Amino acid sequence: MKKLTVVIFVFAMSVTSTFANNEDKLKKKGSEVRTEVVKLLGNYDRNLDTSLNTQVSFIINRKNEIVVLSVDSKNQSLVSYVKRKLNYKKIKVSTLNYMKVYKLPLKVKRV
């Protein structure tokens, strides 16, 4: 009986540590994607009355290209800018899941 409790305790600790280590990889993956997207977007050169908050939904295809699904904004100029800058551009992050929908919050500040 004593050995059984020790085995269960060791199993529980190993499972917990496995899931705990997985979160760091997900955060790193997310920050790499964000860095690449910001680099591809560059500076938005249009004059804005206010700062804009939007969300970009995209997938990564088998060729490591970003495919923009939607840009949640009422500003059509911003929507076309984001699609033009990101759609079918190669991304250099190798640890991504293909064909998974990613959602990235985006804030465009007024200059």
C-alpha atoms as a PDB file:
ATOM      1  CA  MET A   1       0.000   0.000   0.000  1.00  0.00           C
ATOM      2  CA  LYS A   2       2.848   2.361   0.842  1.00  0.00           C
ATOM      3  CA  LYS A   3       4.498   1.721  -2.541  1.00  0.00           C
ATOM      4  CA  LEU A   4       1.228   2.436  -4.338  1.00  0.00           C
ATOM      5  CA  THR A   5       0.889   5.876  -2.747  1.00  0.00           C
ATOM      6  CA  VAL A   6       4.503   6.687  -3.608  1.00  0.00           C
ATOM      7  CA  VAL A   7       3.931   5.647  -7.237  1.00  0.00           C
ATOM      8  CA  ILE A   8       0.758   7.746  -7.467  1.00  0.00           C
ATOM      9  CA  PHE A   9       2.546  10.738  -5.924  1.00  0.00           C
ATOM     10  CA  VAL A  10       5.473  10.456  -8.370  1.00  0.00           C
ATOM     11  CA  PHE A  11       3.066  10.119 -11.299  1.00  0.00           C
ATOM     12  CA  ALA A  12       1.083  13.184 -10.211  1.00  0.00           C
ATOM     13  CA  MET A  13       4.246  15.274  -9.829  1.00  0.00           C
ATOM     14  CA  SER A  14       5.584  14.265 -13.249  1.00  0.00           C
ATOM     15  CA  VAL A  15       2.288  15.089 -14.968  1.00  0.00           C
ATOM     16  CA  THR A  16       2.092  18.452 -13.210  1.00  0.00           C
ATOM     17  CA  SER A  17       5.638  19.407 -14.160  1.00  0.00           C
ATOM     18  CA  THR A  18       5.034  18.382 -17.777  1.00  0.00           C
ATOM     19  CA  PHE A  19       2.041  20.695 -18.097  1.00  0.00           C
ATOM     20  CA  ALA A  20       3.833  23.492 -16.253  1.00  0.00           C
ATOM     21  CA  ASN A  21       6.750  23.394 -18.705  1.00  0.00           C
ATOM     22  CA  ASN A  22       4.400  23.396 -21.701  1.00  0.00           C
ATOM     23  CA  GLU A  23       3.056  26.890 -20.905  1.00  0.00           C
ATOM     24  CA  ASP A  24       6.465  28.532 -21.310  1.00  0.00           C
ATOM     25  CA  LYS A  25       6.783  27.089 -24.806  1.00  0.00           C
ATOM     26  CA  LEU A  26       3.353  28.453 -25.734  1.00  0.00           C
ATOM     27  CA  LYS A  27       4.233  31.933 -24.478  1.00  0.00           C
ATOM     28  CA  LYS A  28       7.525  31.873 -26.370  1.00  0.00           C
ATOM     29  CA  LYS A  29       5.750  30.721 -29.516  1.00  0.00           C
ATOM     30  CA  GLY A  30       3.207  33.534 -29.177  1.00  0.00           C
ATOM     31  CA  SER A  31       5.839  36.206 -28.671  1.00  0.00           C
ATOM     32  CA  GLU A  32       7.809  34.984 -31.696  1.00  0.00           C
ATOM     33  CA  VAL A  33       4.690  35.188 -33.852  1.00  0.00           C
ATOM     34  CA  ARG A  34       3.865  38.666 -32.554  1.00  0.00           C
ATOM     35  CA  THR A  35       7.417  39.872 -33.243  1.00  0.00           C
ATOM     36  CA  GLU A  36       7.281  38.583 -36.819  1.00  0.00           C
ATOM     37  CA  VAL A  37       3.842  40.124 -37.450  1.00  0.00           C
ATOM     38  CA  VAL A  38       4.887  43.516 -36.076  1.00  0.00           C
ATOM     39  CA  LYS A  39       7.994  43.417 -38.251  1.00  0.00           C
ATOM     40  CA  LEU A  40       5.894  42.639 -41.335  1.00  0.00           C
ATOM     41  CA  LEU A  41       3.339  45.355 -40.571  1.00  0.00           C
ATOM     42  CA  GLY A  42       5.840  48.161 -40.157  1.00  0.00           C
ATOM     43  CA  ASN A  43       4.474  51.670 -39.494  1.00  0.00           C
ATOM     44  CA  TYR A  44       0.942  52.623 -40.438  1.00  0.00           C
ATOM     45  CA  ASP A  45       1.487  55.854 -42.356  1.00  0.00           C
ATOM     46  CA  ARG A  46      -2.086  57.180 -42.538  1.00  0.00           C
ATOM     47  CA  ASN A  47      -3.304  59.971 -40.255  1.00  0.00           C
ATOM     48  CA  LEU A  48      -5.684  58.795 -37.546  1.00  0.00           C
ATOM     49  CA  ASP A  49      -8.086  60.840 -35.434  1.00  0.00           C
ATOM     50  CA  THR A  50      -7.845  58.373 -32.534  1.00  0.00           C
ATOM     51  CA  SER A  51      -5.925  55.233 -31.643  1.00  0.00           C
ATOM     52  CA  LEU A  52      -7.508  52.046 -32.953  1.00  0.00           C
ATOM     53  CA  ASN A  53      -7.818  48.638 -31.313  1.00  0.00           C
ATOM     54  CA  THR A  54      -8.473  45.662 -33.541  1.00  0.00           C
ATOM     55  CA  GLN A  55      -8.001  41.914 -33.662  1.00  0.00           C
ATOM     56  CA  VAL A  56      -6.428  40.032 -36.537  1.00  0.00           C
ATOM     57  CA  SER A  57      -7.412  36.396 -37.103  1.00  0.00           C
ATOM     58  CA  PHE A  58      -5.075  34.331 -39.266  1.00  0.00           C
ATOM     59  CA  ILE A  59      -3.790  30.850 -39.955  1.00  0.00           C
ATOM     60  CA  ILE A  60      -0.381  29.565 -40.995  1.00  0.00           C
ATOM     61  CA  ASN A  61      -0.429  27.318 -44.061  1.00  0.00           C
ATOM     62  CA  ARG A  62       2.003  24.494 -44.868  1.00  0.00           C
ATOM     63  CA  LYS A  63       4.332  26.916 -46.669  1.00  0.00           C
ATOM     64  CA  ASN A  64       4.740  28.980 -43.456  1.00  0.00           C
ATOM     65  CA  GLU A  65       2.690  31.785 -44.974  1.00  0.00           C
ATOM     66  CA  ILE A  66       0.234  33.920 -43.019  1.00  0.00           C
ATOM     67  CA  VAL A  67      -3.309  33.774 -44.392  1.00  0.00           C
ATOM     68  CA  VAL A  68      -5.418  36.597 -42.934  1.00  0.00           C
ATOM     69  CA  LEU A  69      -8.956  35.464 -42.176  1.00  0.00           C
ATOM     70  CA  SER A  70     -10.372  38.668 -40.732  1.00  0.00           C
ATOM     71  CA  VAL A  71      -9.496  42.064 -39.330  1.00  0.00           C
ATOM     72  CA  ASP A  72     -12.077  43.343 -36.844  1.00  0.00           C
ATOM     73  CA  SER A  73     -12.136  47.053 -37.587  1.00  0.00           C
ATOM     74  CA  LYS A  74     -14.572  49.576 -39.025  1.00  0.00           C
ATOM     75  CA  ASN A  75     -11.683  51.487 -40.598  1.00  0.00           C
ATOM     76  CA  GLN A  76     -11.470  50.026 -44.133  1.00  0.00           C
ATOM     77  CA  SER A  77      -8.109  51.668 -44.716  1.00  0.00           C
ATOM     78  CA  LEU A  78      -6.630  49.788 -41.762  1.00  0.00           C
ATOM     79  CA  VAL A  79      -8.249  46.511 -42.850  1.00  0.00           C
ATOM     80  CA  SER A  80      -6.779  46.726 -46.341  1.00  0.00           C
ATOM     81  CA  TYR A  81      -3.382  47.788 -44.955  1.00  0.00           C
ATOM     82  CA  VAL A  82      -3.181  44.787 -42.605  1.00  0.00           C
ATOM     83  CA  LYS A  83      -4.295  42.363 -45.316  1.00  0.00           C
ATOM     84  CA  ARG A  84      -1.863  43.815 -47.852  1.00  0.00           C
ATOM     85  CA  LYS A  85       1.073  43.663 -45.438  1.00  0.00           C
ATOM     86  CA  LEU A  86       0.401  40.203 -43.946  1.00  0.00           C
ATOM     87  CA  ASN A  87      -1.485  38.064 -46.455  1.00  0.00           C
ATOM     88  CA  TYR A  88       0.688  35.273 -47.901  1.00  0.00           C
ATOM     89  CA  LYS A  89       3.900  36.613 -46.363  1.00  0.00           C
ATOM     90  CA  LYS A  90       6.351  34.000 -45.099  1.00  0.00           C
ATOM     91  CA  ILE A  91       6.940  33.802 -41.375  1.00  0.00           C
ATOM     92  CA  LYS A  92      10.133  32.421 -39.831  1.00  0.00           C
ATOM     93  CA  VAL A  93       8.684  30.706 -36.763  1.00  0.00           C
ATOM     94  CA  SER A  94       9.114  26.941 -36.945  1.00  0.00           C
ATOM     95  CA  THR A  95       7.174  25.874 -33.834  1.00  0.00           C
ATOM     96  CA  LEU A  96       3.681  26.755 -35.064  1.00  0.00           C
ATOM     97  CA  ASN A  97       0.677  24.550 -35.572  1.00  0.00           C
ATOM     98  CA  TYR A  98      -0.412  24.634 -39.185  1.00  0.00           C
ATOM     99  CA  MET A  99      -4.039  25.455 -40.054  1.00  0.00           C
ATOM    100  CA  LYS A 100      -4.804  26.619 -36.507  1.00  0.00           C
ATOM    101  CA  VAL A 101      -6.610  29.944 -36.119  1.00  0.00           C
ATOM    102  CA  TYR A 102      -4.506  32.499 -34.274  1.00  0.00           C
ATOM    103  CA  LYS A 103      -5.977  35.736 -32.932  1.00  0.00           C
ATOM    104  CA  LEU A 104      -3.681  38.663 -32.381  1.00  0.00           C
ATOM    105  CA  PRO A 105      -4.812  41.897 -30.705  1.00  0.00           C
ATOM    106  CA  LEU A 106      -3.452  44.916 -32.526  1.00  0.00           C
ATOM    107  CA  LYS A 107      -3.303  48.528 -31.385  1.00  0.00           C
ATOM    108  CA  VAL A 108      -2.568  51.281 -33.860  1.00  0.00           C
ATOM    109  CA  LYS A 109      -1.563  54.482 -32.115  1.00  0.00           C
ATOM    110  CA  ARG A 110      -2.251  57.970 -33.342  1.00  0.00           C
ATOM    111  CA  VAL A 111       0.935  59.900 -34.146  1.00  0.00           C
END
